[in-house]
């Protein structure tokens, strides 16, 4: 399932585990748990990296310069082919985080949600693990930021969570965790 025709399936991101979603035989419980954990960790990483990047761009880029190499790799992994971030003018950076920009709320939330939805397929436990990983990544980004993230990051995560919740609902799953 893909939630947007504009954004393709997520490509593997450096440091993330590859998750095979097409199986010709039944999985053992341990294999299913391992896949669930990988989805959770990968969703955490993409949420963390995406919101950290938004925060760096919206604050004028000072945070970004310290982690330039790491982010440059991440940018390539998510399909950003524009001008190097450290070379952007304030206006160019503002355009990237604008409503229609590559790092705006709509496109960033779609990338995060698509990553979870496409990685989980129609498996409820994988969707829940991906959703949990998104929330954990957002929390870690806030801790790294030293408090509440910029409004753009908060709105992005809210929209991404809504997209995953909608996908779960459309598949007939309750968005409430049965174990809670």
N, C-alpha and C. Protein backbone atom coordinates (compact mmCIF):
# COMPACT_ATOMS: atom_id res chain seq x y z
N UNK A 1 0.84 -1.16 0.00
CA UNK A 1 0.00 0.00 0.00
C UNK A 1 0.89 1.23 0.00
N UNK A 2 0.57 2.18 -0.81
CA UNK A 2 1.31 3.42 -0.89
C UNK A 2 0.32 4.55 -0.75
N UNK A 3 0.61 5.56 0.08
CA UNK A 3 -0.38 6.58 0.34
C UNK A 3 -0.30 7.76 -0.60
N UNK A 4 0.74 7.86 -1.37
CA UNK A 4 0.87 8.99 -2.28
C UNK A 4 1.47 8.52 -3.59
N UNK A 5 0.86 8.91 -4.71
CA UNK A 5 1.44 8.53 -6.00
C UNK A 5 2.71 9.33 -6.31
N UNK A 6 2.95 10.40 -5.58
CA UNK A 6 4.09 11.27 -5.85
C UNK A 6 5.39 10.77 -5.25
N UNK A 7 5.29 9.90 -4.28
CA UNK A 7 6.49 9.45 -3.58
C UNK A 7 6.56 7.94 -3.68
N UNK A 8 7.64 7.43 -4.22
CA UNK A 8 7.79 6.00 -4.40
C UNK A 8 8.14 5.30 -3.11
N UNK A 9 8.33 4.03 -3.23
CA UNK A 9 8.72 3.23 -2.07
C UNK A 9 10.05 3.73 -1.54
N UNK A 10 10.19 3.70 -0.24
CA UNK A 10 11.40 4.19 0.39
C UNK A 10 12.59 3.34 -0.01
N UNK A 11 13.69 4.02 -0.29
CA UNK A 11 14.93 3.31 -0.58
C UNK A 11 15.66 3.06 0.73
N UNK A 12 16.50 2.04 0.77
CA UNK A 12 17.25 1.80 2.00
C UNK A 12 18.09 3.02 2.37
N UNK A 13 18.12 3.36 3.63
CA UNK A 13 18.89 4.49 4.12
C UNK A 13 20.09 3.95 4.86
N UNK A 14 21.22 4.63 4.68
CA UNK A 14 22.46 4.19 5.31
C UNK A 14 22.25 3.94 6.80
N UNK A 15 22.72 2.80 7.26
CA UNK A 15 22.61 2.45 8.66
C UNK A 15 21.32 1.74 9.03
N UNK A 16 20.46 1.53 8.04
CA UNK A 16 19.20 0.85 8.32
C UNK A 16 19.27 -0.58 7.83
N UNK A 17 18.51 -1.42 8.46
CA UNK A 17 18.44 -2.82 8.08
C UNK A 17 17.49 -2.99 6.91
N UNK A 18 17.86 -3.83 5.97
CA UNK A 18 16.94 -4.15 4.88
C UNK A 18 15.87 -5.08 5.41
N UNK A 19 14.65 -4.83 5.00
CA UNK A 19 13.53 -5.65 5.45
C UNK A 19 12.90 -6.30 4.23
N UNK A 20 12.88 -7.60 4.22
CA UNK A 20 12.26 -8.32 3.12
C UNK A 20 10.79 -8.52 3.45
N UNK A 21 9.92 -8.03 2.55
CA UNK A 21 8.49 -8.09 2.84
C UNK A 21 7.76 -9.15 2.04
N UNK A 22 8.42 -9.78 1.10
CA UNK A 22 7.78 -10.80 0.27
C UNK A 22 8.31 -12.17 0.66
N UNK A 23 7.48 -12.99 1.27
CA UNK A 23 7.91 -14.30 1.71
C UNK A 23 7.07 -15.37 1.02
N UNK A 24 7.71 -16.44 0.61
CA UNK A 24 7.03 -17.53 -0.07
C UNK A 24 6.62 -18.62 0.93
N UNK A 25 7.09 -18.51 2.15
CA UNK A 25 6.74 -19.51 3.15
C UNK A 25 6.37 -18.80 4.45
N UNK A 26 5.79 -19.54 5.36
CA UNK A 26 5.39 -18.96 6.63
C UNK A 26 6.63 -18.57 7.44
N UNK A 27 6.48 -17.50 8.21
CA UNK A 27 7.55 -17.06 9.08
C UNK A 27 7.37 -17.68 10.46
N UNK A 28 8.48 -17.92 11.10
CA UNK A 28 8.40 -18.35 12.49
C UNK A 28 8.07 -17.12 13.34
N UNK A 29 7.66 -17.36 14.54
CA UNK A 29 7.35 -16.26 15.45
C UNK A 29 8.58 -15.39 15.66
N UNK A 30 9.75 -16.00 15.81
CA UNK A 30 10.99 -15.25 16.01
C UNK A 30 11.31 -14.39 14.79
N UNK A 31 11.13 -14.94 13.59
CA UNK A 31 11.39 -14.17 12.37
C UNK A 31 10.43 -12.98 12.27
N UNK A 32 9.17 -13.19 12.60
CA UNK A 32 8.19 -12.11 12.56
C UNK A 32 8.54 -11.03 13.58
N UNK A 33 8.97 -11.44 14.78
CA UNK A 33 9.37 -10.46 15.79
C UNK A 33 10.61 -9.69 15.35
N UNK A 34 11.54 -10.37 14.70
CA UNK A 34 12.75 -9.70 14.21
C UNK A 34 12.39 -8.66 13.15
N UNK A 35 11.50 -9.00 12.24
CA UNK A 35 11.07 -8.06 11.21
C UNK A 35 10.35 -6.87 11.84
N UNK A 36 9.50 -7.15 12.82
CA UNK A 36 8.78 -6.09 13.52
C UNK A 36 9.77 -5.12 14.16
N UNK A 37 10.80 -5.64 14.80
CA UNK A 37 11.79 -4.80 15.46
C UNK A 37 12.58 -3.97 14.45
N UNK A 38 12.92 -4.55 13.30
CA UNK A 38 13.64 -3.81 12.26
C UNK A 38 12.78 -2.65 11.74
N UNK A 39 11.49 -2.91 11.53
CA UNK A 39 10.60 -1.85 11.06
C UNK A 39 10.55 -0.73 12.09
N UNK A 40 10.44 -1.08 13.35
CA UNK A 40 10.39 -0.09 14.42
C UNK A 40 11.67 0.75 14.42
N UNK A 41 12.82 0.09 14.36
CA UNK A 41 14.10 0.80 14.38
C UNK A 41 14.27 1.69 13.15
N UNK A 42 13.89 1.18 11.98
CA UNK A 42 14.03 1.96 10.76
C UNK A 42 13.08 3.15 10.73
N UNK A 43 11.85 2.97 11.21
CA UNK A 43 10.91 4.08 11.28
C UNK A 43 11.42 5.13 12.26
N UNK A 44 12.00 4.67 13.35
CA UNK A 44 12.59 5.58 14.31
C UNK A 44 13.68 6.42 13.63
N UNK A 45 14.55 5.77 12.88
CA UNK A 45 15.66 6.48 12.23
C UNK A 45 15.16 7.50 11.22
N UNK A 46 14.20 7.15 10.39
CA UNK A 46 13.73 8.09 9.38
C UNK A 46 12.99 9.26 10.03
N UNK A 47 12.20 9.00 11.07
CA UNK A 47 11.50 10.07 11.77
C UNK A 47 12.51 11.00 12.44
N UNK A 48 13.49 10.42 13.10
CA UNK A 48 14.51 11.21 13.79
C UNK A 48 15.28 12.08 12.80
N UNK A 49 15.76 11.46 11.72
CA UNK A 49 16.55 12.21 10.74
C UNK A 49 15.72 13.29 10.06
N UNK A 50 14.48 12.98 9.72
CA UNK A 50 13.63 13.96 9.03
C UNK A 50 13.33 15.17 9.91
N UNK A 51 12.93 14.93 11.15
CA UNK A 51 12.61 16.05 12.02
C UNK A 51 13.86 16.83 12.43
N UNK A 52 14.98 16.15 12.57
CA UNK A 52 16.23 16.85 12.88
C UNK A 52 16.62 17.77 11.74
N UNK A 53 16.44 17.31 10.52
CA UNK A 53 16.77 18.12 9.35
C UNK A 53 15.86 19.34 9.27
N UNK A 54 14.57 19.13 9.50
CA UNK A 54 13.65 20.28 9.48
C UNK A 54 14.07 21.31 10.51
N UNK A 55 14.40 20.86 11.70
CA UNK A 55 14.81 21.78 12.75
C UNK A 55 16.07 22.53 12.38
N UNK A 56 17.03 21.84 11.79
CA UNK A 56 18.28 22.48 11.38
C UNK A 56 18.03 23.54 10.32
N UNK A 57 17.20 23.23 9.34
CA UNK A 57 16.91 24.19 8.28
C UNK A 57 16.14 25.39 8.79
N UNK A 58 15.17 25.16 9.66
CA UNK A 58 14.34 26.26 10.13
C UNK A 58 15.08 27.16 11.12
N UNK A 59 16.20 26.68 11.68
CA UNK A 59 16.96 27.49 12.63
C UNK A 59 18.14 28.20 11.98
N UNK A 60 18.22 28.16 10.68
CA UNK A 60 19.30 28.85 9.99
C UNK A 60 20.47 27.95 9.68
N UNK A 61 20.43 26.69 10.03
CA UNK A 61 21.43 25.74 9.61
C UNK A 61 22.61 25.53 10.53
N UNK A 62 22.69 26.22 11.69
CA UNK A 62 23.85 26.06 12.57
C UNK A 62 24.02 24.62 13.04
N UNK A 63 22.94 23.98 13.41
CA UNK A 63 23.00 22.59 13.88
C UNK A 63 23.46 21.69 12.75
N UNK A 64 22.97 21.97 11.56
CA UNK A 64 23.27 21.14 10.41
C UNK A 64 24.76 21.11 10.08
N UNK A 65 25.43 22.26 10.17
CA UNK A 65 26.84 22.35 9.80
C UNK A 65 27.70 21.39 10.62
N UNK A 66 27.31 21.14 11.85
CA UNK A 66 28.07 20.23 12.72
C UNK A 66 27.93 18.78 12.29
N UNK A 67 26.86 18.47 11.60
CA UNK A 67 26.61 17.08 11.20
C UNK A 67 26.48 16.98 9.68
N UNK A 68 27.19 17.78 8.97
CA UNK A 68 27.04 17.90 7.52
C UNK A 68 27.18 16.57 6.78
N UNK A 69 28.24 15.85 7.03
CA UNK A 69 28.46 14.60 6.30
C UNK A 69 27.36 13.58 6.53
N UNK A 70 26.93 13.47 7.78
CA UNK A 70 25.87 12.52 8.10
C UNK A 70 24.56 12.89 7.40
N UNK A 71 24.23 14.15 7.42
CA UNK A 71 23.00 14.59 6.77
C UNK A 71 23.10 14.52 5.25
N UNK A 72 24.26 14.78 4.71
CA UNK A 72 24.42 14.71 3.25
C UNK A 72 24.11 13.31 2.74
N UNK A 73 24.56 12.32 3.47
CA UNK A 73 24.26 10.93 3.12
C UNK A 73 22.76 10.67 3.24
N UNK A 74 22.16 11.15 4.31
CA UNK A 74 20.72 11.00 4.50
C UNK A 74 19.95 11.67 3.37
N UNK A 75 20.36 12.86 2.98
CA UNK A 75 19.68 13.58 1.90
C UNK A 75 19.69 12.77 0.61
N UNK A 76 20.81 12.20 0.29
CA UNK A 76 20.90 11.38 -0.92
C UNK A 76 19.98 10.17 -0.82
N UNK A 77 19.92 9.57 0.35
CA UNK A 77 19.09 8.38 0.56
C UNK A 77 17.60 8.65 0.38
N UNK A 78 17.15 9.85 0.72
CA UNK A 78 15.72 10.15 0.60
C UNK A 78 15.37 10.83 -0.71
N UNK A 79 16.35 11.00 -1.59
CA UNK A 79 16.05 11.52 -2.93
C UNK A 79 16.25 13.00 -3.11
N UNK A 80 16.89 13.68 -2.18
CA UNK A 80 17.15 15.12 -2.35
C UNK A 80 18.35 15.29 -3.26
N UNK A 81 18.13 15.96 -4.38
CA UNK A 81 19.21 16.16 -5.36
C UNK A 81 19.52 17.64 -5.56
N UNK A 82 19.04 18.48 -4.67
CA UNK A 82 19.24 19.92 -4.81
C UNK A 82 20.61 20.38 -4.38
N UNK A 83 20.72 21.67 -4.31
CA UNK A 83 21.95 22.34 -3.90
C UNK A 83 22.35 21.86 -2.50
N UNK A 84 23.64 21.69 -2.25
CA UNK A 84 24.07 21.27 -0.90
C UNK A 84 23.49 22.21 0.16
N UNK A 85 22.97 21.64 1.23
CA UNK A 85 22.27 22.39 2.26
C UNK A 85 23.13 23.51 2.83
N UNK A 86 24.40 23.25 3.06
CA UNK A 86 25.29 24.26 3.66
C UNK A 86 25.51 25.46 2.73
N UNK A 87 25.18 25.31 1.45
CA UNK A 87 25.38 26.39 0.49
C UNK A 87 24.10 27.16 0.19
N UNK A 88 23.00 26.82 0.84
CA UNK A 88 21.72 27.48 0.57
C UNK A 88 21.67 28.87 1.20
N UNK A 89 21.05 29.78 0.49
CA UNK A 89 20.76 31.08 1.08
C UNK A 89 19.58 30.90 2.03
N UNK A 90 19.29 31.91 2.84
CA UNK A 90 18.14 31.81 3.74
C UNK A 90 16.85 31.64 2.95
N UNK A 91 16.74 32.32 1.83
CA UNK A 91 15.54 32.22 1.00
C UNK A 91 15.39 30.81 0.41
N UNK A 92 16.50 30.23 -0.06
CA UNK A 92 16.45 28.88 -0.62
C UNK A 92 16.08 27.86 0.47
N UNK A 93 16.64 28.03 1.66
CA UNK A 93 16.30 27.12 2.76
C UNK A 93 14.83 27.27 3.14
N UNK A 94 14.35 28.50 3.16
CA UNK A 94 12.94 28.73 3.48
C UNK A 94 12.04 28.08 2.44
N UNK A 95 12.44 28.12 1.17
CA UNK A 95 11.66 27.48 0.11
C UNK A 95 11.60 25.96 0.30
N UNK A 96 12.70 25.38 0.76
CA UNK A 96 12.73 23.93 0.97
C UNK A 96 11.77 23.48 2.07
N UNK A 97 11.57 24.32 3.09
CA UNK A 97 10.66 23.96 4.18
C UNK A 97 9.28 24.60 4.03
N UNK A 98 9.05 25.23 2.89
CA UNK A 98 7.75 25.84 2.63
C UNK A 98 6.70 24.76 2.41
N UNK A 99 5.46 25.17 2.29
CA UNK A 99 4.35 24.23 2.12
C UNK A 99 4.59 23.24 0.99
N UNK A 100 5.10 23.71 -0.14
CA UNK A 100 5.33 22.84 -1.29
C UNK A 100 6.77 22.36 -1.41
N UNK A 101 7.61 22.70 -0.44
CA UNK A 101 9.02 22.36 -0.51
C UNK A 101 9.32 20.90 -0.21
N UNK A 102 10.48 20.45 -0.66
CA UNK A 102 10.90 19.07 -0.47
C UNK A 102 10.89 18.68 1.01
N UNK A 103 11.24 19.62 1.89
CA UNK A 103 11.26 19.35 3.32
C UNK A 103 10.08 19.99 4.04
N UNK A 104 9.05 20.37 3.29
CA UNK A 104 7.83 20.90 3.88
C UNK A 104 7.06 19.79 4.57
N UNK A 105 6.02 20.18 5.27
CA UNK A 105 5.22 19.24 6.05
C UNK A 105 4.65 18.12 5.18
N UNK A 106 4.05 18.47 4.05
CA UNK A 106 3.37 17.47 3.21
C UNK A 106 4.34 16.41 2.70
N UNK A 107 5.42 16.83 2.06
CA UNK A 107 6.34 15.85 1.46
C UNK A 107 7.09 15.04 2.52
N UNK A 108 7.50 15.69 3.60
CA UNK A 108 8.25 14.98 4.63
C UNK A 108 7.37 13.98 5.36
N UNK A 109 6.14 14.38 5.70
CA UNK A 109 5.24 13.44 6.38
C UNK A 109 4.90 12.26 5.46
N UNK A 110 4.76 12.51 4.17
CA UNK A 110 4.50 11.42 3.22
C UNK A 110 5.67 10.45 3.16
N UNK A 111 6.89 10.98 3.14
CA UNK A 111 8.06 10.09 3.10
C UNK A 111 8.11 9.21 4.35
N UNK A 112 7.87 9.81 5.51
CA UNK A 112 7.92 9.05 6.76
C UNK A 112 6.81 8.00 6.77
N UNK A 113 5.58 8.42 6.48
CA UNK A 113 4.45 7.49 6.52
C UNK A 113 4.60 6.40 5.47
N UNK A 114 5.01 6.76 4.25
CA UNK A 114 5.20 5.76 3.19
C UNK A 114 6.23 4.73 3.61
N UNK A 115 7.28 5.17 4.26
CA UNK A 115 8.31 4.26 4.71
C UNK A 115 7.71 3.19 5.64
N UNK A 116 6.91 3.63 6.59
CA UNK A 116 6.29 2.70 7.53
C UNK A 116 5.27 1.80 6.82
N UNK A 117 4.39 2.42 6.05
CA UNK A 117 3.31 1.67 5.41
C UNK A 117 3.85 0.67 4.40
N UNK A 118 4.78 1.09 3.57
CA UNK A 118 5.35 0.19 2.56
C UNK A 118 6.18 -0.91 3.22
N UNK A 119 6.90 -0.58 4.28
CA UNK A 119 7.71 -1.58 4.96
C UNK A 119 6.88 -2.60 5.71
N UNK A 120 5.72 -2.18 6.20
CA UNK A 120 4.88 -3.07 6.98
C UNK A 120 3.93 -3.90 6.13
N UNK A 121 3.67 -3.44 4.93
CA UNK A 121 2.69 -4.13 4.11
C UNK A 121 1.33 -4.06 4.80
N UNK A 122 0.65 -5.17 4.87
CA UNK A 122 -0.67 -5.19 5.51
C UNK A 122 -0.62 -5.90 6.86
N UNK A 123 0.55 -5.96 7.45
CA UNK A 123 0.74 -6.63 8.73
C UNK A 123 0.52 -5.64 9.88
N UNK A 124 -0.49 -5.94 10.69
CA UNK A 124 -0.86 -5.03 11.78
C UNK A 124 0.28 -4.80 12.77
N UNK A 125 0.97 -5.86 13.17
CA UNK A 125 2.02 -5.69 14.18
C UNK A 125 3.18 -4.86 13.62
N UNK A 126 3.45 -5.00 12.33
CA UNK A 126 4.52 -4.20 11.71
C UNK A 126 4.10 -2.73 11.61
N UNK A 127 2.84 -2.49 11.28
CA UNK A 127 2.35 -1.10 11.25
C UNK A 127 2.46 -0.47 12.63
N UNK A 128 2.07 -1.21 13.64
CA UNK A 128 2.16 -0.69 15.02
C UNK A 128 3.62 -0.44 15.41
N UNK A 129 4.50 -1.35 15.02
CA UNK A 129 5.92 -1.18 15.33
C UNK A 129 6.48 0.05 14.62
N UNK A 130 6.10 0.24 13.35
CA UNK A 130 6.56 1.41 12.62
C UNK A 130 6.04 2.70 13.23
N UNK A 131 4.78 2.69 13.64
CA UNK A 131 4.19 3.87 14.28
C UNK A 131 4.93 4.17 15.58
N UNK A 132 5.19 3.12 16.36
CA UNK A 132 5.92 3.29 17.61
C UNK A 132 7.33 3.83 17.35
N UNK A 133 7.97 3.34 16.29
CA UNK A 133 9.30 3.83 15.93
C UNK A 133 9.28 5.30 15.54
N UNK A 134 8.23 5.73 14.83
CA UNK A 134 8.09 7.14 14.48
C UNK A 134 8.02 8.00 15.74
N UNK A 135 7.18 7.59 16.68
CA UNK A 135 7.02 8.35 17.92
C UNK A 135 8.33 8.39 18.71
N UNK A 136 9.02 7.26 18.74
CA UNK A 136 10.29 7.19 19.47
C UNK A 136 11.33 8.10 18.80
N UNK A 137 11.38 8.09 17.46
CA UNK A 137 12.32 8.96 16.74
C UNK A 137 12.04 10.43 16.99
N UNK A 138 10.76 10.78 17.03
CA UNK A 138 10.37 12.16 17.30
C UNK A 138 10.81 12.56 18.71
N UNK A 139 10.60 11.66 19.67
CA UNK A 139 11.00 11.93 21.06
C UNK A 139 12.52 12.12 21.15
N UNK A 140 13.28 11.26 20.48
CA UNK A 140 14.74 11.37 20.50
C UNK A 140 15.21 12.66 19.84
N UNK A 141 14.50 13.07 18.77
CA UNK A 141 14.86 14.34 18.12
C UNK A 141 14.62 15.51 19.07
N UNK A 142 13.54 15.45 19.84
CA UNK A 142 13.27 16.51 20.83
C UNK A 142 14.36 16.53 21.90
N UNK A 143 14.77 15.37 22.35
CA UNK A 143 15.83 15.30 23.37
C UNK A 143 17.13 15.89 22.82
N UNK A 144 17.45 15.55 21.58
CA UNK A 144 18.67 16.09 20.96
C UNK A 144 18.56 17.60 20.79
N UNK A 145 17.38 18.05 20.45
CA UNK A 145 17.12 19.48 20.23
C UNK A 145 17.18 20.24 21.55
N UNK A 146 16.91 19.55 22.64
CA UNK A 146 16.95 20.20 23.94
C UNK A 146 15.59 20.74 24.37
N UNK A 147 14.54 20.18 23.83
CA UNK A 147 13.19 20.62 24.18
C UNK A 147 12.27 20.45 23.00
N UNK A 148 11.21 21.19 23.02
CA UNK A 148 10.20 21.09 21.97
C UNK A 148 10.78 21.46 20.60
N UNK A 149 10.51 20.61 19.61
CA UNK A 149 10.98 20.87 18.25
C UNK A 149 10.18 22.01 17.62
N UNK A 150 10.71 22.59 16.54
CA UNK A 150 9.97 23.65 15.85
C UNK A 150 8.58 23.16 15.41
N UNK A 151 7.68 24.09 15.26
CA UNK A 151 6.29 23.77 14.90
C UNK A 151 6.21 22.93 13.64
N UNK A 152 7.06 23.20 12.65
CA UNK A 152 7.03 22.44 11.39
C UNK A 152 7.27 20.95 11.65
N UNK A 153 8.18 20.63 12.54
CA UNK A 153 8.47 19.23 12.86
C UNK A 153 7.31 18.59 13.60
N UNK A 154 6.71 19.32 14.51
CA UNK A 154 5.56 18.79 15.24
C UNK A 154 4.40 18.51 14.29
N UNK A 155 4.13 19.43 13.38
CA UNK A 155 3.04 19.24 12.42
C UNK A 155 3.34 18.08 11.47
N UNK A 156 4.60 17.95 11.10
CA UNK A 156 5.00 16.86 10.20
C UNK A 156 4.76 15.51 10.86
N UNK A 157 5.18 15.36 12.10
CA UNK A 157 4.98 14.08 12.79
C UNK A 157 3.50 13.82 13.01
N UNK A 158 2.74 14.84 13.34
CA UNK A 158 1.30 14.67 13.54
C UNK A 158 0.65 14.16 12.25
N UNK A 159 1.04 14.76 11.11
CA UNK A 159 0.46 14.35 9.83
C UNK A 159 0.90 12.94 9.46
N UNK A 160 2.18 12.60 9.68
CA UNK A 160 2.68 11.26 9.36
C UNK A 160 1.95 10.21 10.21
N UNK A 161 1.74 10.49 11.48
CA UNK A 161 1.03 9.55 12.36
C UNK A 161 -0.41 9.39 11.88
N UNK A 162 -1.04 10.50 11.49
CA UNK A 162 -2.41 10.43 10.97
C UNK A 162 -2.47 9.55 9.72
N UNK A 163 -1.47 9.64 8.85
CA UNK A 163 -1.45 8.83 7.63
C UNK A 163 -1.31 7.34 7.96
N UNK A 164 -0.45 7.02 8.92
CA UNK A 164 -0.28 5.62 9.32
C UNK A 164 -1.56 5.13 9.99
N UNK A 165 -2.15 5.96 10.85
CA UNK A 165 -3.40 5.58 11.50
C UNK A 165 -4.50 5.34 10.46
N UNK A 166 -4.56 6.18 9.44
CA UNK A 166 -5.56 6.03 8.38
C UNK A 166 -5.33 4.72 7.61
N UNK A 167 -4.07 4.42 7.33
CA UNK A 167 -3.77 3.17 6.62
C UNK A 167 -4.20 1.97 7.47
N UNK A 168 -3.95 2.05 8.78
CA UNK A 168 -4.36 0.96 9.67
C UNK A 168 -5.88 0.84 9.68
N UNK A 169 -6.56 1.95 9.78
CA UNK A 169 -8.03 1.96 9.79
C UNK A 169 -8.57 1.37 8.49
N UNK A 170 -7.99 1.79 7.36
CA UNK A 170 -8.44 1.30 6.05
C UNK A 170 -8.22 -0.21 5.90
N UNK A 171 -7.26 -0.75 6.62
CA UNK A 171 -7.02 -2.19 6.59
C UNK A 171 -7.89 -2.93 7.62
N UNK A 172 -8.67 -2.17 8.37
CA UNK A 172 -9.58 -2.78 9.34
C UNK A 172 -9.00 -2.96 10.72
N UNK A 173 -7.88 -2.30 11.00
CA UNK A 173 -7.25 -2.41 12.30
C UNK A 173 -7.67 -1.22 13.16
N UNK A 174 -7.88 -1.48 14.43
CA UNK A 174 -8.16 -0.40 15.37
C UNK A 174 -6.88 0.41 15.56
N UNK A 175 -7.02 1.71 15.63
CA UNK A 175 -5.82 2.52 15.86
C UNK A 175 -5.46 2.54 17.33
N UNK A 176 -6.35 2.00 18.17
CA UNK A 176 -6.03 1.88 19.59
C UNK A 176 -5.26 0.59 19.81
N UNK A 177 -4.21 0.68 20.60
CA UNK A 177 -3.40 -0.50 20.90
C UNK A 177 -4.18 -1.41 21.84
N UNK A 178 -4.40 -2.63 21.42
CA UNK A 178 -5.17 -3.59 22.22
C UNK A 178 -4.48 -3.94 23.53
N UNK A 179 -3.15 -3.79 23.58
CA UNK A 179 -2.40 -4.15 24.77
C UNK A 179 -2.39 -3.03 25.81
N UNK A 180 -2.82 -1.85 25.43
CA UNK A 180 -2.78 -0.71 26.35
C UNK A 180 -3.78 -0.85 27.47
